[in-house]
Structures are given as structure tokens and as C-alpha cells.
PDB file of N, CA and C in Angstrom:
ATOM      1  N   UNK A   1      12.647 -18.482 -83.997  1.00  0.00           N
ATOM      2  CA  UNK A   1      13.233 -19.136 -85.155  1.00  0.00           C
ATOM      3  C   UNK A   1      12.527 -18.611 -86.405  1.00  0.00           C
ATOM      4  N   UNK A   2      13.323 -18.153 -87.342  1.00  0.00           N
ATOM      5  CA  UNK A   2      12.815 -17.743 -88.653  1.00  0.00           C
ATOM      6  C   UNK A   2      13.288 -18.782 -89.662  1.00  0.00           C
ATOM      7  N   UNK A   3      12.407 -19.258 -90.538  1.00  0.00           N
ATOM      8  CA  UNK A   3      12.797 -20.284 -91.506  1.00  0.00           C
ATOM      9  C   UNK A   3      12.345 -19.912 -92.904  1.00  0.00           C
ATOM     10  N   UNK A   4      13.040 -20.469 -93.897  1.00  0.00           N
ATOM     11  CA  UNK A   4      12.710 -20.233 -95.293  1.00  0.00           C
ATOM     12  C   UNK A   4      12.965 -18.795 -95.690  1.00  0.00           C
ATOM     13  N   UNK A   5      13.976 -18.528 -96.457  1.00  0.00           N
ATOM     14  CA  UNK A   5      14.319 -17.160 -96.870  1.00  0.00           C
ATOM     15  C   UNK A   5      14.226 -16.183 -95.705  1.00  0.00           C
ATOM     16  N   UNK A   6      14.801 -16.543 -94.570  1.00  0.00           N
ATOM     17  CA  UNK A   6      14.729 -15.711 -93.364  1.00  0.00           C
ATOM     18  C   UNK A   6      15.534 -14.434 -93.558  1.00  0.00           C
ATOM     19  N   UNK A   7      14.989 -13.337 -93.082  1.00  0.00           N
ATOM     20  CA  UNK A   7      15.637 -12.029 -93.220  1.00  0.00           C
ATOM     21  C   UNK A   7      15.420 -11.258 -91.928  1.00  0.00           C
ATOM     22  N   UNK A   8      16.499 -10.734 -91.384  1.00  0.00           N
ATOM     23  CA  UNK A   8      16.431  -9.984 -90.134  1.00  0.00           C
ATOM     24  C   UNK A   8      17.160  -8.667 -90.330  1.00  0.00           C
ATOM     25  N   UNK A   9      16.530  -7.560 -89.918  1.00  0.00           N
ATOM     26  CA  UNK A   9      17.127  -6.239 -90.115  1.00  0.00           C
ATOM     27  C   UNK A   9      17.055  -5.446 -88.824  1.00  0.00           C
ATOM     28  N   UNK A  10      18.161  -4.748 -88.515  1.00  0.00           N
ATOM     29  CA  UNK A  10      18.198  -3.816 -87.390  1.00  0.00           C
ATOM     30  C   UNK A  10      18.988  -2.603 -87.853  1.00  0.00           C
ATOM     31  N   UNK A  11      18.349  -1.448 -87.833  1.00  0.00           N
ATOM     32  CA  UNK A  11      18.916  -0.224 -88.395  1.00  0.00           C
ATOM     33  C   UNK A  11      19.341  -0.529 -89.827  1.00  0.00           C
ATOM     34  N   UNK A  12      20.601  -0.294 -90.189  1.00  0.00           N
ATOM     35  CA  UNK A  12      21.054  -0.566 -91.552  1.00  0.00           C
ATOM     36  C   UNK A  12      21.775  -1.901 -91.677  1.00  0.00           C
ATOM     37  N   UNK A  13      21.859  -2.673 -90.609  1.00  0.00           N
ATOM     38  CA  UNK A  13      22.495  -3.988 -90.634  1.00  0.00           C
ATOM     39  C   UNK A  13      21.431  -5.044 -90.909  1.00  0.00           C
ATOM     40  N   UNK A  14      21.830  -6.125 -91.614  1.00  0.00           N
ATOM     41  CA  UNK A  14      20.865  -7.182 -91.890  1.00  0.00           C
ATOM     42  C   UNK A  14      21.559  -8.521 -92.074  1.00  0.00           C
ATOM     43  N   UNK A  15      20.768  -9.582 -92.000  1.00  0.00           N
ATOM     44  CA  UNK A  15      21.252 -10.940 -92.226  1.00  0.00           C
ATOM     45  C   UNK A  15      20.175 -11.694 -92.981  1.00  0.00           C
ATOM     46  N   UNK A  16      20.609 -12.524 -93.933  1.00  0.00           N
ATOM     47  CA  UNK A  16      19.684 -13.313 -94.740  1.00  0.00           C
ATOM     48  C   UNK A  16      20.192 -14.746 -94.786  1.00  0.00           C
ATOM     49  N   UNK A  17      19.307 -15.713 -94.517  1.00  0.00           N
ATOM     50  CA  UNK A  17      19.685 -17.124 -94.491  1.00  0.00           C
ATOM     51  C   UNK A  17      18.432 -17.977 -94.637  1.00  0.00           C
ATOM     52  N   UNK A  18      18.624 -19.293 -94.741  1.00  0.00           N
ATOM     53  CA  UNK A  18      17.473 -20.194 -94.787  1.00  0.00           C
ATOM     54  C   UNK A  18      16.817 -20.307 -93.418  1.00  0.00           C
ATOM     55  N   UNK A  19      17.630 -20.214 -92.353  1.00  0.00           N
ATOM     56  CA  UNK A  19      17.085 -20.302 -90.990  1.00  0.00           C
ATOM     57  C   UNK A  19      17.906 -19.410 -90.069  1.00  0.00           C
ATOM     58  N   UNK A  20      17.232 -18.617 -89.254  1.00  0.00           N
ATOM     59  CA  UNK A  20      17.886 -17.753 -88.269  1.00  0.00           C
ATOM     60  C   UNK A  20      17.264 -18.055 -86.914  1.00  0.00           C
ATOM     61  N   UNK A  21      18.115 -18.328 -85.931  1.00  0.00           N
ATOM     62  CA  UNK A  21      17.629 -18.529 -84.562  1.00  0.00           C
ATOM     63  C   UNK A  21      18.231 -17.444 -83.680  1.00  0.00           C
ATOM     64  N   UNK A  22      17.456 -16.999 -82.704  1.00  0.00           N
ATOM     65  CA  UNK A  22      17.927 -15.970 -81.776  1.00  0.00           C
ATOM     66  C   UNK A  22      17.502 -16.360 -80.372  1.00  0.00           C
ATOM     67  N   UNK A  23      18.486 -16.485 -79.479  1.00  0.00           N
ATOM     68  CA  UNK A  23      18.216 -16.803 -78.079  1.00  0.00           C
ATOM     69  C   UNK A  23      18.252 -15.500 -77.293  1.00  0.00           C
ATOM     70  N   UNK A  24      17.091 -15.023 -76.911  1.00  0.00           N
ATOM     71  CA  UNK A  24      16.956 -13.721 -76.265  1.00  0.00           C
ATOM     72  C   UNK A  24      17.762 -13.650 -74.973  1.00  0.00           C
ATOM     73  N   UNK A  25      17.656 -14.678 -74.131  1.00  0.00           N
ATOM     74  CA  UNK A  25      18.338 -14.649 -72.833  1.00  0.00           C
ATOM     75  C   UNK A  25      19.854 -14.532 -72.982  1.00  0.00           C
ATOM     76  N   UNK A  26      20.396 -15.233 -73.966  1.00  0.00           N
ATOM     77  CA  UNK A  26      21.853 -15.239 -74.179  1.00  0.00           C
ATOM     78  C   UNK A  26      22.297 -14.172 -75.177  1.00  0.00           C
ATOM     79  N   UNK A  27      21.354 -13.521 -75.829  1.00  0.00           N
ATOM     80  CA  UNK A  27      21.630 -12.570 -76.906  1.00  0.00           C
ATOM     81  C   UNK A  27      22.547 -13.209 -77.944  1.00  0.00           C
ATOM     82  N   UNK A  28      22.166 -14.415 -78.379  1.00  0.00           N
ATOM     83  CA  UNK A  28      22.944 -15.211 -79.322  1.00  0.00           C
ATOM     84  C   UNK A  28      22.113 -15.455 -80.573  1.00  0.00           C
ATOM     85  N   UNK A  29      22.691 -15.120 -81.730  1.00  0.00           N
ATOM     86  CA  UNK A  29      22.016 -15.349 -82.992  1.00  0.00           C
ATOM     87  C   UNK A  29      22.847 -16.306 -83.825  1.00  0.00           C
ATOM     88  N   UNK A  30      22.173 -17.254 -84.487  1.00  0.00           N
ATOM     89  CA  UNK A  30      22.837 -18.180 -85.396  1.00  0.00           C
ATOM     90  C   UNK A  30      22.063 -18.196 -86.701  1.00  0.00           C
ATOM     91  N   UNK A  31      22.797 -18.279 -87.810  1.00  0.00           N
ATOM     92  CA  UNK A  31      22.168 -18.318 -89.124  1.00  0.00           C
ATOM     93  C   UNK A  31      22.702 -19.523 -89.890  1.00  0.00           C
ATOM     94  N   UNK A  32      21.796 -20.203 -90.592  1.00  0.00           N
ATOM     95  CA  UNK A  32      22.151 -21.415 -91.327  1.00  0.00           C
ATOM     96  C   UNK A  32      21.544 -21.347 -92.723  1.00  0.00           C
ATOM     97  N   UNK A  33      22.264 -21.924 -93.699  1.00  0.00           N
ATOM     98  CA  UNK A  33      21.719 -22.050 -95.045  1.00  0.00           C
ATOM     99  C   UNK A  33      22.010 -23.445 -95.572  1.00  0.00           C
ATOM    100  N   UNK A  34      21.261 -23.824 -96.601  1.00  0.00           N
ATOM    101  CA  UNK A  34      21.466 -25.126 -97.220  1.00  0.00           C
ATOM    102  C   UNK A  34      22.869 -25.224 -97.802  1.00  0.00           C
ATOM    103  N   UNK A  35      23.254 -26.443 -98.144  1.00  0.00           N
ATOM    104  CA  UNK A  35      24.606 -26.734 -98.620  1.00  0.00           C
ATOM    105  C   UNK A  35      25.032 -25.847 -99.796  1.00  0.00           C
ATOM    106  N   UNK A  36      24.136 -25.576-100.707  1.00  0.00           N
ATOM    107  CA  UNK A  36      24.488 -24.818-101.910  1.00  0.00           C
ATOM    108  C   UNK A  36      24.229 -23.320-101.794  1.00  0.00           C
ATOM    109  N   UNK A  37      23.819 -22.867-100.617  1.00  0.00           N
ATOM    110  CA  UNK A  37      23.508 -21.447-100.429  1.00  0.00           C
ATOM    111  C   UNK A  37      24.433 -20.833 -99.387  1.00  0.00           C
ATOM    112  N   UNK A  38      24.390 -19.527 -99.284  1.00  0.00           N
ATOM    113  CA  UNK A  38      25.224 -18.803 -98.325  1.00  0.00           C
ATOM    114  C   UNK A  38      24.372 -17.996 -97.360  1.00  0.00           C
ATOM    115  N   UNK A  39      24.976 -17.721 -96.220  1.00  0.00           N
ATOM    116  CA  UNK A  39      24.409 -16.759 -95.280  1.00  0.00           C
ATOM    117  C   UNK A  39      24.999 -15.410 -95.661  1.00  0.00           C
ATOM    118  N   UNK A  40      24.170 -14.405 -95.800  1.00  0.00           N
ATOM    119  CA  UNK A  40      24.636 -13.065 -96.153  1.00  0.00           C
ATOM    120  C   UNK A  40      24.416 -12.144 -94.959  1.00  0.00           C
ATOM    121  N   UNK A  41      25.484 -11.449 -94.563  1.00  0.00           N
ATOM    122  CA  UNK A  41      25.405 -10.550 -93.414  1.00  0.00           C
ATOM    123  C   UNK A  41      26.000  -9.199 -93.770  1.00  0.00           C
ATOM    124  N   UNK A  42      25.314  -8.135 -93.415  1.00  0.00           N
ATOM    125  CA  UNK A  42      25.820  -6.774 -93.565  1.00  0.00           C
ATOM    126  C   UNK A  42      25.770  -6.131 -92.183  1.00  0.00           C
ATOM    127  N   UNK A  43      26.940  -5.807 -91.645  1.00  0.00           N
ATOM    128  CA  UNK A  43      27.030  -5.153 -90.335  1.00  0.00           C
ATOM    129  C   UNK A  43      27.768  -3.836 -90.504  1.00  0.00           C
ATOM    130  N   UNK A  44      27.181  -2.774 -90.036  1.00  0.00           N
ATOM    131  CA  UNK A  44      27.835  -1.475 -90.094  1.00  0.00           C
ATOM    132  C   UNK A  44      28.479  -1.207 -88.740  1.00  0.00           C
ATOM    133  N   UNK A  45      29.814  -1.153 -88.678  1.00  0.00           N
ATOM    134  CA  UNK A  45      30.520  -1.008 -87.396  1.00  0.00           C
ATOM    135  C   UNK A  45      30.079   0.189 -86.574  1.00  0.00           C
ATOM    136  N   UNK A  46      29.728   1.277 -87.202  1.00  0.00           N
ATOM    137  CA  UNK A  46      29.339   2.474 -86.457  1.00  0.00           C
ATOM    138  C   UNK A  46      28.063   2.244 -85.658  1.00  0.00           C
ATOM    139  N   UNK A  47      27.277   1.252 -86.041  1.00  0.00           N
ATOM    140  CA  UNK A  47      26.014   1.004 -85.359  1.00  0.00           C
ATOM    141  C   UNK A  47      26.108  -0.117 -84.330  1.00  0.00           C
ATOM    142  N   UNK A  48      27.247  -0.782 -84.250  1.00  0.00           N
ATOM    143  CA  UNK A  48      27.410  -1.842 -83.263  1.00  0.00           C
ATOM    144  C   UNK A  48      27.711  -1.227 -81.916  1.00  0.00           C
ATOM    145  N   UNK A  49      27.199  -1.835 -80.861  1.00  0.00           N
ATOM    146  CA  UNK A  49      27.446  -1.323 -79.518  1.00  0.00           C
ATOM    147  C   UNK A  49      28.827  -1.737 -79.057  1.00  0.00           C
ATOM    148  N   UNK A  50      29.493  -0.845 -78.337  1.00  0.00           N
ATOM    149  CA  UNK A  50      30.779  -1.154 -77.736  1.00  0.00           C
ATOM    150  C   UNK A  50      30.518  -1.955 -76.470  1.00  0.00           C
ATOM    151  N   UNK A  51      31.023  -3.190 -76.425  1.00  0.00           N
ATOM    152  CA  UNK A  51      30.757  -4.055 -75.277  1.00  0.00           C
ATOM    153  C   UNK A  51      31.797  -3.905 -74.186  1.00  0.00           C
ATOM    154  N   UNK A  52      32.863  -3.148 -74.456  1.00  0.00           N
ATOM    155  CA  UNK A  52      33.897  -2.949 -73.443  1.00  0.00           C
ATOM    156  C   UNK A  52      33.441  -1.878 -72.456  1.00  0.00           C
ATOM    157  N   UNK A  53      33.642  -2.106 -71.166  1.00  0.00           N
ATOM    158  CA  UNK A  53      33.273  -1.060 -70.204  1.00  0.00           C
ATOM    159  C   UNK A  53      34.170   0.161 -70.382  1.00  0.00           C
ATOM    160  N   UNK A  54      33.561   1.310 -70.299  1.00  0.00           N
ATOM    161  CA  UNK A  54      34.328   2.545 -70.438  1.00  0.00           C
ATOM    162  C   UNK A  54      35.019   2.860 -69.121  1.00  0.00           C
ATOM    163  N   UNK A  55      36.271   3.297 -69.187  1.00  0.00           N
ATOM    164  CA  UNK A  55      36.967   3.632 -67.935  1.00  0.00           C
ATOM    165  C   UNK A  55      36.325   4.846 -67.281  1.00  0.00           C
ATOM    166  N   UNK A  56      36.237   4.792 -65.974  1.00  0.00           N
ATOM    167  CA  UNK A  56      35.646   5.909 -65.251  1.00  0.00           C
ATOM    168  C   UNK A  56      36.718   6.954 -64.987  1.00  0.00           C
ATOM    169  N   UNK A  57      36.332   8.197 -65.108  1.00  0.00           N
ATOM    170  CA  UNK A  57      37.255   9.294 -64.845  1.00  0.00           C
ATOM    171  C   UNK A  57      37.394   9.478 -63.344  1.00  0.00           C
ATOM    172  N   UNK A  58      38.584   9.864 -62.928  1.00  0.00           N
ATOM    173  CA  UNK A  58      38.790  10.165 -61.508  1.00  0.00           C
ATOM    174  C   UNK A  58      38.044  11.448 -61.177  1.00  0.00           C
ATOM    175  N   UNK A  59      37.306  11.392 -60.106  1.00  0.00           N
ATOM    176  CA  UNK A  59      36.550  12.574 -59.699  1.00  0.00           C
ATOM    177  C   UNK A  59      37.268  13.237 -58.538  1.00  0.00           C
ATOM    178  N   UNK A  60      37.390  14.519 -58.645  1.00  0.00           N
ATOM    179  CA  UNK A  60      37.989  15.282 -57.552  1.00  0.00           C
ATOM    180  C   UNK A  60      36.868  15.791 -56.665  1.00  0.00           C
ATOM    181  N   UNK A  61      37.075  15.697 -55.387  1.00  0.00           N
ATOM    182  CA  UNK A  61      36.073  16.209 -54.457  1.00  0.00           C
ATOM    183  C   UNK A  61      36.635  17.422 -53.751  1.00  0.00           C
ATOM    184  N   UNK A  62      35.762  18.307 -53.426  1.00  0.00           N
ATOM    185  CA  UNK A  62      36.168  19.499 -52.682  1.00  0.00           C
ATOM    186  C   UNK A  62      36.072  19.185 -51.199  1.00  0.00           C
ATOM    187  N   UNK A  63      37.199  18.979 -50.586  1.00  0.00           N
ATOM    188  CA  UNK A  63      37.224  18.680 -49.159  1.00  0.00           C
ATOM    189  C   UNK A  63      37.884  19.842 -48.432  1.00  0.00           C
ATOM    190  N   UNK A  64      37.319  20.190 -47.327  1.00  0.00           N
ATOM    191  CA  UNK A  64      37.925  21.248 -46.518  1.00  0.00           C
ATOM    192  C   UNK A  64      38.549  20.619 -45.288  1.00  0.00           C
ATOM    193  N   UNK A  65      39.732  21.078 -44.961  1.00  0.00           N
ATOM    194  CA  UNK A  65      40.425  20.561 -43.779  1.00  0.00           C
ATOM    195  C   UNK A  65      40.312  21.578 -42.665  1.00  0.00           C
ATOM    196  N   UNK A  66      40.008  21.121 -41.476  1.00  0.00           N
ATOM    197  CA  UNK A  66      39.893  22.003 -40.311  1.00  0.00           C
ATOM    198  C   UNK A  66      41.138  21.926 -39.487  1.00  0.00           C
TER     199      UNK A  66
END
């Protein structure tokens, strides 16, 4: 838990809030700010990981028939 002007940066992406919590096991981050303030987030899409599994290519095998 980060509190009071919390700031978190990874590569060129960042988040700023009054409080940031991160649950390592769940890989879940939450950010909160006071009523009169905002949470500011900058995420660069090129740096985000693709969570979709990539399709596997069909592999051809060299089989010999007798």
C-alpha cells in the first residue's frame, strides 16, 4: 500500500493517486483519491502485455512410411 501523493511507475507508464494498493498474488492494482482530487493514469499500449494466448502454428513432421 502506498499512501499520500502515491506514485507508481513502470517503464513509461505511471499512476498517481492519494492511495495505491497492489495485490501481488492476484496482480490487481487499485488507486483511490480524495473527493476533490483525481487519479491520474498514463498507460502506453505498446508496453502492455498481450494477455491473450497466441495460437500455435501447425507443425509438420517428417514421417516415413514403410
